Each structure stands twice: as structure tokens, then as C-alpha cells.
Amino acid sequence: MEPPIVYYPRSEYIETDTGNKVSRKSVICGSQNIILGGKTIIQTDCVIRGDLRRTGGGHAVVVAIGRYCLLAKGCIIRPPYKTYKGYENFYLSNLV
């Protein structure tokens, strides 16, 4: 038995040029710092925080999501952080 086919209606999802589908009910902050690899689906109530990064010069990719990824309903993606002197400091890391 094959799994059922899932459809993502255009009224609920935005489709990018590279085939990513992003729910209109998701929260994307700092989109200039987020890269989606293509054919990725971001479902309802997901939060991606590309705005949480150290301040400084130059362009920084904070969140990079590969090809053919599925971010399920309610998923939260943000850069790692450490608490230093009572404040949260966000750090960029290279995860492979």
C-alpha cells in the first residue's frame, strides 16, 4: 500500500522559484539571513529566526536548510545561544 499523496494548496502556501513551499501561517524573521536549498516544505506554525545573530559588518547566513527537507507543524529553528553575564548571545556554527 502506497502512502497517500499530500497536496499543498496555493491559498495556504507560497511557492518559491526553487520549489520551496512555505505556509502563510508560519513565522519567518530575518529572511535575508535564511537559505532554503530547494523543494523544502515549511508547514503551519513553524518559526524560523534568521534575525538572531551577532551584530557586525557583512552578510551572514544564520539558518541554512538543505534540499528536500520537511519542517513539520510547530517546528522552531534558531541559531544556538549561550548565556553570558545574564544575556543570551547567539552564535553561528557549522553543522554538517
PDB file of N, CA and C in Angstrom:
ATOM      1  N   MET A   1       0.842  -1.185   0.000  1.00  0.00           N
ATOM      2  CA  MET A   1       0.000   0.000   0.000  1.00  0.00           C
ATOM      3  C   MET A   1       0.889   1.251   0.000  1.00  0.00           C
ATOM      4  N   GLU A   2       0.629   2.149  -0.916  1.00  0.00           N
ATOM      5  CA  GLU A   2       1.408   3.372  -1.023  1.00  0.00           C
ATOM      6  C   GLU A   2       0.863   4.441  -0.076  1.00  0.00           C
ATOM      7  N   PRO A   3       1.746   5.314   0.422  1.00  0.00           N
ATOM      8  CA  PRO A   3       1.271   6.404   1.281  1.00  0.00           C
ATOM      9  C   PRO A   3       0.396   7.372   0.492  1.00  0.00           C
ATOM     10  N   PRO A   4      -0.517   8.053   1.157  1.00  0.00           N
ATOM     11  CA  PRO A   4      -1.397   8.987   0.437  1.00  0.00           C
ATOM     12  C   PRO A   4      -0.610  10.182  -0.104  1.00  0.00           C
ATOM     13  N   ILE A   5      -1.074  10.740  -1.187  1.00  0.00           N
ATOM     14  CA  ILE A   5      -0.466  11.927  -1.776  1.00  0.00           C
ATOM     15  C   ILE A   5      -0.925  13.142  -0.984  1.00  0.00           C
ATOM     16  N   VAL A   6       0.024  14.005  -0.629  1.00  0.00           N
ATOM     17  CA  VAL A   6      -0.282  15.217   0.134  1.00  0.00           C
ATOM     18  C   VAL A   6      -0.229  16.410  -0.808  1.00  0.00           C
ATOM     19  N   TYR A   7      -1.257  17.222  -0.784  1.00  0.00           N
ATOM     20  CA  TYR A   7      -1.315  18.425  -1.604  1.00  0.00           C
ATOM     21  C   TYR A   7      -1.151  19.652  -0.724  1.00  0.00           C
ATOM     22  N   TYR A   8      -0.458  20.656  -1.254  1.00  0.00           N
ATOM     23  CA  TYR A   8      -0.251  21.915  -0.552  1.00  0.00           C
ATOM     24  C   TYR A   8      -0.915  23.022  -1.369  1.00  0.00           C
ATOM     25  N   PRO A   9      -2.138  23.396  -0.987  1.00  0.00           N
ATOM     26  CA  PRO A   9      -2.898  24.369  -1.792  1.00  0.00           C
ATOM     27  C   PRO A   9      -2.232  25.748  -1.831  1.00  0.00           C
ATOM     28  N   ARG A  10      -2.310  26.386  -2.982  1.00  0.00           N
ATOM     29  CA  ARG A  10      -1.711  27.707  -3.167  1.00  0.00           C
ATOM     30  C   ARG A  10      -2.322  28.764  -2.251  1.00  0.00           C
ATOM     31  N   SER A  11      -3.543  28.553  -1.815  1.00  0.00           N
ATOM     32  CA  SER A  11      -4.173  29.522  -0.925  1.00  0.00           C
ATOM     33  C   SER A  11      -3.539  29.500   0.465  1.00  0.00           C
ATOM     34  N   GLU A  12      -2.883  28.382   0.835  1.00  0.00           N
ATOM     35  CA  GLU A  12      -2.285  28.248   2.163  1.00  0.00           C
ATOM     36  C   GLU A  12      -0.761  28.285   2.142  1.00  0.00           C
ATOM     37  N   TYR A  13      -0.148  28.091   0.971  1.00  0.00           N
ATOM     38  CA  TYR A  13       1.310  28.021   0.862  1.00  0.00           C
ATOM     39  C   TYR A  13       1.807  28.934  -0.239  1.00  0.00           C
ATOM     40  N   ILE A  14       2.985  29.511  -0.010  1.00  0.00           N
ATOM     41  CA  ILE A  14       3.678  30.303  -1.014  1.00  0.00           C
ATOM     42  C   ILE A  14       4.735  29.397  -1.627  1.00  0.00           C
ATOM     43  N   GLU A  15       4.824  29.365  -2.952  1.00  0.00           N
ATOM     44  CA  GLU A  15       5.841  28.555  -3.606  1.00  0.00           C
ATOM     45  C   GLU A  15       6.905  29.459  -4.221  1.00  0.00           C
ATOM     46  N   THR A  16       8.182  29.167  -3.932  1.00  0.00           N
ATOM     47  CA  THR A  16       9.283  29.975  -4.448  1.00  0.00           C
ATOM     48  C   THR A  16       9.730  29.443  -5.810  1.00  0.00           C
ATOM     49  N   ASP A  17      10.643  30.161  -6.442  1.00  0.00           N
ATOM     50  CA  ASP A  17      11.165  29.758  -7.752  1.00  0.00           C
ATOM     51  C   ASP A  17      11.877  28.410  -7.706  1.00  0.00           C
ATOM     52  N   THR A  18      12.467  28.065  -6.560  1.00  0.00           N
ATOM     53  CA  THR A  18      13.212  26.810  -6.437  1.00  0.00           C
ATOM     54  C   THR A  18      12.356  25.667  -5.895  1.00  0.00           C
ATOM     55  N   GLY A  19      11.034  25.872  -5.829  1.00  0.00           N
ATOM     56  CA  GLY A  19      10.121  24.802  -5.441  1.00  0.00           C
ATOM     57  C   GLY A  19       9.884  24.666  -3.953  1.00  0.00           C
ATOM     58  N   ASN A  20      10.379  25.606  -3.149  1.00  0.00           N
ATOM     59  CA  ASN A  20      10.078  25.584  -1.718  1.00  0.00           C
ATOM     60  C   ASN A  20       8.620  25.955  -1.511  1.00  0.00           C
ATOM     61  N   LYS A  21       8.001  25.338  -0.524  1.00  0.00           N
ATOM     62  CA  LYS A  21       6.618  25.670  -0.168  1.00  0.00           C
ATOM     63  C   LYS A  21       6.613  26.127   1.285  1.00  0.00           C
ATOM     64  N   VAL A  22       6.145  27.367   1.507  1.00  0.00           N
ATOM     65  CA  VAL A  22       6.166  27.972   2.831  1.00  0.00           C
ATOM     66  C   VAL A  22       4.739  28.322   3.228  1.00  0.00           C
ATOM     67  N   SER A  23       4.299  27.814   4.376  1.00  0.00           N
ATOM     68  CA  SER A  23       2.950  28.093   4.859  1.00  0.00           C
ATOM     69  C   SER A  23       2.781  29.578   5.146  1.00  0.00           C
ATOM     70  N   ARG A  24       1.643  30.109   4.775  1.00  0.00           N
ATOM     71  CA  ARG A  24       1.333  31.506   5.078  1.00  0.00           C
ATOM     72  C   ARG A  24       1.124  31.708   6.581  1.00  0.00           C
ATOM     73  N   LYS A  25       0.947  30.617   7.321  1.00  0.00           N
ATOM     74  CA  LYS A  25       0.746  30.685   8.768  1.00  0.00           C
ATOM     75  C   LYS A  25       2.027  30.376   9.537  1.00  0.00           C
ATOM     76  N   SER A  26       3.173  30.427   8.875  1.00  0.00           N
ATOM     77  CA  SER A  26       4.455  30.264   9.555  1.00  0.00           C
ATOM     78  C   SER A  26       5.047  31.653   9.813  1.00  0.00           C
ATOM     79  N   VAL A  27       6.061  31.707  10.680  1.00  0.00           N
ATOM     80  CA  VAL A  27       6.704  32.972  11.023  1.00  0.00           C
ATOM     81  C   VAL A  27       8.160  32.891  10.582  1.00  0.00           C
ATOM     82  N   ILE A  28       8.548  33.786   9.661  1.00  0.00           N
ATOM     83  CA  ILE A  28       9.904  33.833   9.140  1.00  0.00           C
ATOM     84  C   ILE A  28      10.476  35.208   9.491  1.00  0.00           C
ATOM     85  N   CYS A  29      11.481  35.254  10.355  1.00  0.00           N
ATOM     86  CA  CYS A  29      12.106  36.512  10.765  1.00  0.00           C
ATOM     87  C   CYS A  29      13.518  36.586  10.191  1.00  0.00           C
ATOM     88  N   GLY A  30      13.895  37.706   9.631  1.00  0.00           N
ATOM     89  CA  GLY A  30      15.230  37.871   9.071  1.00  0.00           C
ATOM     90  C   GLY A  30      15.445  37.021   7.837  1.00  0.00           C
ATOM     91  N   SER A  31      14.497  37.070   6.907  1.00  0.00           N
ATOM     92  CA  SER A  31      14.553  36.206   5.725  1.00  0.00           C
ATOM     93  C   SER A  31      15.812  36.419   4.890  1.00  0.00           C
ATOM     94  N   GLN A  32      16.440  37.592   4.960  1.00  0.00           N
ATOM     95  CA  GLN A  32      17.667  37.831   4.208  1.00  0.00           C
ATOM     96  C   GLN A  32      18.821  36.988   4.733  1.00  0.00           C
ATOM     97  N   ASN A  33      18.682  36.416   5.921  1.00  0.00           N
ATOM     98  CA  ASN A  33      19.726  35.589   6.527  1.00  0.00           C
ATOM     99  C   ASN A  33      19.378  34.097   6.510  1.00  0.00           C
ATOM    100  N   ILE A  34      18.358  33.714   5.737  1.00  0.00           N
ATOM    101  CA  ILE A  34      17.904  32.321   5.681  1.00  0.00           C
ATOM    102  C   ILE A  34      18.050  31.810   4.250  1.00  0.00           C
ATOM    103  N   ILE A  35      18.598  30.600   4.109  1.00  0.00           N
ATOM    104  CA  ILE A  35      18.719  29.970   2.797  1.00  0.00           C
ATOM    105  C   ILE A  35      17.962  28.646   2.829  1.00  0.00           C
ATOM    106  N   LEU A  36      17.073  28.461   1.846  1.00  0.00           N
ATOM    107  CA  LEU A  36      16.372  27.191   1.660  1.00  0.00           C
ATOM    108  C   LEU A  36      16.936  26.549   0.398  1.00  0.00           C
ATOM    109  N   GLY A  37      17.346  25.286   0.495  1.00  0.00           N
ATOM    110  CA  GLY A  37      18.040  24.613  -0.590  1.00  0.00           C
ATOM    111  C   GLY A  37      17.188  24.265  -1.792  1.00  0.00           C
ATOM    112  N   GLY A  38      15.891  24.218  -1.658  1.00  0.00           N
ATOM    113  CA  GLY A  38      15.014  23.860  -2.770  1.00  0.00           C
ATOM    114  C   GLY A  38      14.178  22.644  -2.441  1.00  0.00           C
ATOM    115  N   LYS A  39      12.943  22.661  -2.901  1.00  0.00           N
ATOM    116  CA  LYS A  39      11.995  21.559  -2.662  1.00  0.00           C
ATOM    117  C   LYS A  39      11.775  21.309  -1.171  1.00  0.00           C
ATOM    118  N   THR A  40      11.910  22.342  -0.358  1.00  0.00           N
ATOM    119  CA  THR A  40      11.706  22.245   1.087  1.00  0.00           C
ATOM    120  C   THR A  40      10.290  22.693   1.412  1.00  0.00           C
ATOM    121  N   ILE A  41       9.671  22.051   2.401  1.00  0.00           N
ATOM    122  CA  ILE A  41       8.311  22.394   2.815  1.00  0.00           C
ATOM    123  C   ILE A  41       8.344  22.866   4.259  1.00  0.00           C
ATOM    124  N   ILE A  42       7.784  24.047   4.496  1.00  0.00           N
ATOM    125  CA  ILE A  42       7.671  24.600   5.845  1.00  0.00           C
ATOM    126  C   ILE A  42       6.192  24.660   6.171  1.00  0.00           C
ATOM    127  N   GLN A  43       5.761  23.819   7.103  1.00  0.00           N
ATOM    128  CA  GLN A  43       4.349  23.695   7.413  1.00  0.00           C
ATOM    129  C   GLN A  43       3.868  24.770   8.391  1.00  0.00           C
ATOM    130  N   THR A  44       2.593  24.717   8.703  1.00  0.00           N
ATOM    131  CA  THR A  44       1.919  25.686   9.557  1.00  0.00           C
ATOM    132  C   THR A  44       2.565  25.797  10.935  1.00  0.00           C
ATOM    133  N   ASP A  45       2.575  27.000  11.484  1.00  0.00           N
ATOM    134  CA  ASP A  45       3.050  27.306  12.838  1.00  0.00           C
ATOM    135  C   ASP A  45       4.540  27.068  13.045  1.00  0.00           C
ATOM    136  N   CYS A  46       5.333  26.985  11.970  1.00  0.00           N
ATOM    137  CA  CYS A  46       6.786  26.903  12.107  1.00  0.00           C
ATOM    138  C   CYS A  46       7.342  28.299  12.331  1.00  0.00           C
ATOM    139  N   VAL A  47       8.446  28.378  13.068  1.00  0.00           N
ATOM    140  CA  VAL A  47       9.128  29.646  13.309  1.00  0.00           C
ATOM    141  C   VAL A  47      10.586  29.470  12.908  1.00  0.00           C
ATOM    142  N   ILE A  48      11.067  30.339  12.016  1.00  0.00           N
ATOM    143  CA  ILE A  48      12.477  30.332  11.631  1.00  0.00           C
ATOM    144  C   ILE A  48      13.028  31.716  11.948  1.00  0.00           C
ATOM    145  N   ARG A  49      14.051  31.752  12.812  1.00  0.00           N
ATOM    146  CA  ARG A  49      14.601  33.020  13.271  1.00  0.00           C
ATOM    147  C   ARG A  49      15.950  33.288  12.628  1.00  0.00           C
ATOM    148  N   GLY A  50      15.936  34.000  11.517  1.00  0.00           N
ATOM    149  CA  GLY A  50      17.166  34.413  10.863  1.00  0.00           C
ATOM    150  C   GLY A  50      17.661  35.748  11.371  1.00  0.00           C
ATOM    151  N   ASP A  51      16.879  36.389  12.222  1.00  0.00           N
ATOM    152  CA  ASP A  51      17.257  37.703  12.739  1.00  0.00           C
ATOM    153  C   ASP A  51      18.115  37.616  13.989  1.00  0.00           C
ATOM    154  N   LEU A  52      18.291  36.434  14.553  1.00  0.00           N
ATOM    155  CA  LEU A  52      19.071  36.275  15.773  1.00  0.00           C
ATOM    156  C   LEU A  52      20.518  35.970  15.408  1.00  0.00           C
ATOM    157  N   ARG A  53      21.316  36.999  15.353  1.00  0.00           N
ATOM    158  CA  ARG A  53      22.729  36.812  15.044  1.00  0.00           C
ATOM    159  C   ARG A  53      23.509  37.939  15.674  1.00  0.00           C
ATOM    160  N   ARG A  54      24.794  37.718  15.789  1.00  0.00           N
ATOM    161  CA  ARG A  54      25.651  38.776  16.304  1.00  0.00           C
ATOM    162  C   ARG A  54      25.629  39.958  15.350  1.00  0.00           C
ATOM    163  N   THR A  55      25.679  41.142  15.920  1.00  0.00           N
ATOM    164  CA  THR A  55      25.735  42.326  15.070  1.00  0.00           C
ATOM    165  C   THR A  55      27.158  42.484  14.544  1.00  0.00           C
ATOM    166  N   GLY A  56      27.274  43.027  13.392  1.00  0.00           N
ATOM    167  CA  GLY A  56      28.592  43.228  12.805  1.00  0.00           C
ATOM    168  C   GLY A  56      28.464  43.441  11.312  1.00  0.00           C
ATOM    169  N   GLY A  57      29.574  43.732  10.704  1.00  0.00           N
ATOM    170  CA  GLY A  57      29.577  44.001   9.280  1.00  0.00           C
ATOM    171  C   GLY A  57      29.425  42.751   8.447  1.00  0.00           C
ATOM    172  N   GLY A  58      29.011  42.942   7.224  1.00  0.00           N
ATOM    173  CA  GLY A  58      28.908  41.834   6.279  1.00  0.00           C
ATOM    174  C   GLY A  58      27.614  41.062   6.387  1.00  0.00           C
ATOM    175  N   HIS A  59      27.384  40.255   5.374  1.00  0.00           N
ATOM    176  CA  HIS A  59      26.174  39.431   5.318  1.00  0.00           C
ATOM    177  C   HIS A  59      26.461  38.081   5.964  1.00  0.00           C
ATOM    178  N   ALA A  60      25.577  37.633   6.809  1.00  0.00           N
ATOM    179  CA  ALA A  60      25.776  36.349   7.484  1.00  0.00           C
ATOM    180  C   ALA A  60      24.563  35.460   7.253  1.00  0.00           C
ATOM    181  N   VAL A  61      24.822  34.238   6.819  1.00  0.00           N
ATOM    182  CA  VAL A  61      23.754  33.252   6.737  1.00  0.00           C
ATOM    183  C   VAL A  61      23.592  32.666   8.122  1.00  0.00           C
ATOM    184  N   VAL A  62      22.415  32.822   8.702  1.00  0.00           N
ATOM    185  CA  VAL A  62      22.177  32.360  10.061  1.00  0.00           C
ATOM    186  C   VAL A  62      21.552  30.971  10.058  1.00  0.00           C
ATOM    187  N   VAL A  63      20.634  30.732   9.124  1.00  0.00           N
ATOM    188  CA  VAL A  63      19.962  29.438   9.022  1.00  0.00           C
ATOM    189  C   VAL A  63      20.057  28.957   7.576  1.00  0.00           C
ATOM    190  N   ALA A  64      20.583  27.758   7.388  1.00  0.00           N
ATOM    191  CA  ALA A  64      20.650  27.145   6.061  1.00  0.00           C
ATOM    192  C   ALA A  64      19.963  25.789   6.139  1.00  0.00           C
ATOM    193  N   ILE A  65      18.953  25.588   5.308  1.00  0.00           N
ATOM    194  CA  ILE A  65      18.179  24.346   5.287  1.00  0.00           C
ATOM    195  C   ILE A  65      18.377  23.722   3.912  1.00  0.00           C
ATOM    196  N   GLY A  66      18.715  22.444   3.865  1.00  0.00           N
ATOM    197  CA  GLY A  66      19.049  21.761   2.623  1.00  0.00           C
ATOM    198  C   GLY A  66      17.853  21.474   1.732  1.00  0.00           C
ATOM    199  N   ARG A  67      18.108  20.701   0.688  1.00  0.00           N
ATOM    200  CA  ARG A  67      17.071  20.322  -0.268  1.00  0.00           C
ATOM    201  C   ARG A  67      16.210  19.206   0.297  1.00  0.00           C
ATOM    202  N   TYR A  68      14.974  19.161  -0.147  1.00  0.00           N
ATOM    203  CA  TYR A  68      14.011  18.099   0.183  1.00  0.00           C
ATOM    204  C   TYR A  68      13.807  17.928   1.692  1.00  0.00           C
ATOM    205  N   CYS A  69      13.761  19.025   2.421  1.00  0.00           N
ATOM    206  CA  CYS A  69      13.526  18.979   3.868  1.00  0.00           C
ATOM    207  C   CYS A  69      12.063  19.276   4.169  1.00  0.00           C
ATOM    208  N   LEU A  70      11.578  18.721   5.248  1.00  0.00           N
ATOM    209  CA  LEU A  70      10.216  18.978   5.711  1.00  0.00           C
ATOM    210  C   LEU A  70      10.282  19.475   7.141  1.00  0.00           C
ATOM    211  N   LEU A  71       9.852  20.711   7.357  1.00  0.00           N
ATOM    212  CA  LEU A  71       9.749  21.251   8.702  1.00  0.00           C
ATOM    213  C   LEU A  71       8.304  21.072   9.126  1.00  0.00           C
ATOM    214  N   ALA A  72       8.085  20.152  10.061  1.00  0.00           N
ATOM    215  CA  ALA A  72       6.740  19.773  10.470  1.00  0.00           C
ATOM    216  C   ALA A  72       6.071  20.881  11.273  1.00  0.00           C
ATOM    217  N   LYS A  73       4.782  20.752  11.428  1.00  0.00           N
ATOM    218  CA  LYS A  73       3.957  21.741  12.121  1.00  0.00           C
ATOM    219  C   LYS A  73       4.524  22.046  13.509  1.00  0.00           C
ATOM    220  N   GLY A  74       4.716  23.335  13.788  1.00  0.00           N
ATOM    221  CA  GLY A  74       5.172  23.772  15.105  1.00  0.00           C
ATOM    222  C   GLY A  74       6.675  23.749  15.309  1.00  0.00           C
ATOM    223  N   CYS A  75       7.445  23.469  14.272  1.00  0.00           N
ATOM    224  CA  CYS A  75       8.906  23.398  14.368  1.00  0.00           C
ATOM    225  C   CYS A  75       9.486  24.795  14.606  1.00  0.00           C
ATOM    226  N   ILE A  76      10.546  24.869  15.429  1.00  0.00           N
ATOM    227  CA  ILE A  76      11.229  26.141  15.683  1.00  0.00           C
ATOM    228  C   ILE A  76      12.701  25.969  15.331  1.00  0.00           C
ATOM    229  N   ILE A  77      13.215  26.832  14.451  1.00  0.00           N
ATOM    230  CA  ILE A  77      14.617  26.813  14.041  1.00  0.00           C
ATOM    231  C   ILE A  77      15.221  28.161  14.406  1.00  0.00           C
ATOM    232  N   ARG A  78      16.316  28.129  15.150  1.00  0.00           N
ATOM    233  CA  ARG A  78      17.028  29.350  15.521  1.00  0.00           C
ATOM    234  C   ARG A  78      18.493  28.985  15.728  1.00  0.00           C
ATOM    235  N   PRO A  79      19.395  29.972  15.678  1.00  0.00           N
ATOM    236  CA  PRO A  79      20.804  29.655  15.912  1.00  0.00           C
ATOM    237  C   PRO A  79      21.035  29.280  17.371  1.00  0.00           C
ATOM    238  N   PRO A  80      22.118  28.554  17.664  1.00  0.00           N
ATOM    239  CA  PRO A  80      22.417  28.196  19.050  1.00  0.00           C
ATOM    240  C   PRO A  80      22.788  29.432  19.863  1.00  0.00           C
ATOM    241  N   TYR A  81      22.607  29.363  21.163  1.00  0.00           N
ATOM    242  CA  TYR A  81      22.938  30.511  22.004  1.00  0.00           C
ATOM    243  C   TYR A  81      23.599  30.053  23.301  1.00  0.00           C
ATOM    244  N   LYS A  82      24.291  30.992  23.915  1.00  0.00           N
ATOM    245  CA  LYS A  82      24.888  30.792  25.235  1.00  0.00           C
ATOM    246  C   LYS A  82      24.490  31.978  26.088  1.00  0.00           C
ATOM    247  N   THR A  83      24.382  31.772  27.376  1.00  0.00           N
ATOM    248  CA  THR A  83      24.107  32.874  28.285  1.00  0.00           C
ATOM    249  C   THR A  83      25.439  33.396  28.821  1.00  0.00           C
ATOM    250  N   TYR A  84      25.663  34.679  28.647  1.00  0.00           N
ATOM    251  CA  TYR A  84      26.896  35.304  29.106  1.00  0.00           C
ATOM    252  C   TYR A  84      26.540  36.557  29.872  1.00  0.00           C
ATOM    253  N   LYS A  85      26.905  36.596  31.137  1.00  0.00           N
ATOM    254  CA  LYS A  85      26.609  37.732  32.026  1.00  0.00           C
ATOM    255  C   LYS A  85      25.120  38.064  32.027  1.00  0.00           C
ATOM    256  N   GLY A  86      24.286  37.026  32.028  1.00  0.00           N
ATOM    257  CA  GLY A  86      22.846  37.219  32.128  1.00  0.00           C
ATOM    258  C   GLY A  86      22.135  37.515  30.818  1.00  0.00           C
ATOM    259  N   TYR A  87      22.874  37.598  29.715  1.00  0.00           N
ATOM    260  CA  TYR A  87      22.280  37.889  28.419  1.00  0.00           C
ATOM    261  C   TYR A  87      22.463  36.700  27.487  1.00  0.00           C
ATOM    262  N   GLU A  88      21.485  36.496  26.610  1.00  0.00           N
ATOM    263  CA  GLU A  88      21.597  35.447  25.608  1.00  0.00           C
ATOM    264  C   GLU A  88      22.408  35.966  24.432  1.00  0.00           C
ATOM    265  N   ASN A  89      23.464  35.244  24.051  1.00  0.00           N
ATOM    266  CA  ASN A  89      24.289  35.585  22.907  1.00  0.00           C
ATOM    267  C   ASN A  89      24.148  34.477  21.877  1.00  0.00           C
ATOM    268  N   PHE A  90      23.835  34.832  20.650  1.00  0.00           N
ATOM    269  CA  PHE A  90      23.648  33.849  19.597  1.00  0.00           C
ATOM    270  C   PHE A  90      24.939  33.642  18.831  1.00  0.00           C
ATOM    271  N   TYR A  91      25.239  32.398  18.508  1.00  0.00           N
ATOM    272  CA  TYR A  91      26.479  32.034  17.846  1.00  0.00           C
ATOM    273  C   TYR A  91      26.171  31.274  16.565  1.00  0.00           C
ATOM    274  N   LEU A  92      26.955  31.502  15.554  1.00  0.00           N
ATOM    275  CA  LEU A  92      26.818  30.761  14.315  1.00  0.00           C
ATOM    276  C   LEU A  92      27.713  29.530  14.415  1.00  0.00           C
ATOM    277  N   SER A  93      27.208  28.412  13.914  1.00  0.00           N
ATOM    278  CA  SER A  93      28.005  27.184  13.939  1.00  0.00           C
ATOM    279  C   SER A  93      27.860  26.494  12.604  1.00  0.00           C
ATOM    280  N   ASN A  94      28.841  25.717  12.242  1.00  0.00           N
ATOM    281  CA  ASN A  94      28.796  24.942  11.009  1.00  0.00           C
ATOM    282  C   ASN A  94      28.396  23.527  11.357  1.00  0.00           C
ATOM    283  N   LEU A  95      27.159  23.177  11.087  1.00  0.00           N
ATOM    284  CA  LEU A  95      26.672  21.835  11.353  1.00  0.00           C
ATOM    285  C   LEU A  95      26.702  21.052  10.055  1.00  0.00           C
ATOM    286  N   VAL A  96      27.213  19.861  10.097  1.00  0.00           N
ATOM    287  CA  VAL A  96      27.289  19.036   8.900  1.00  0.00           C
ATOM    288  C   VAL A  96      26.464  17.793   9.113  1.00  0.00           C
TER     289      VAL A  96
END
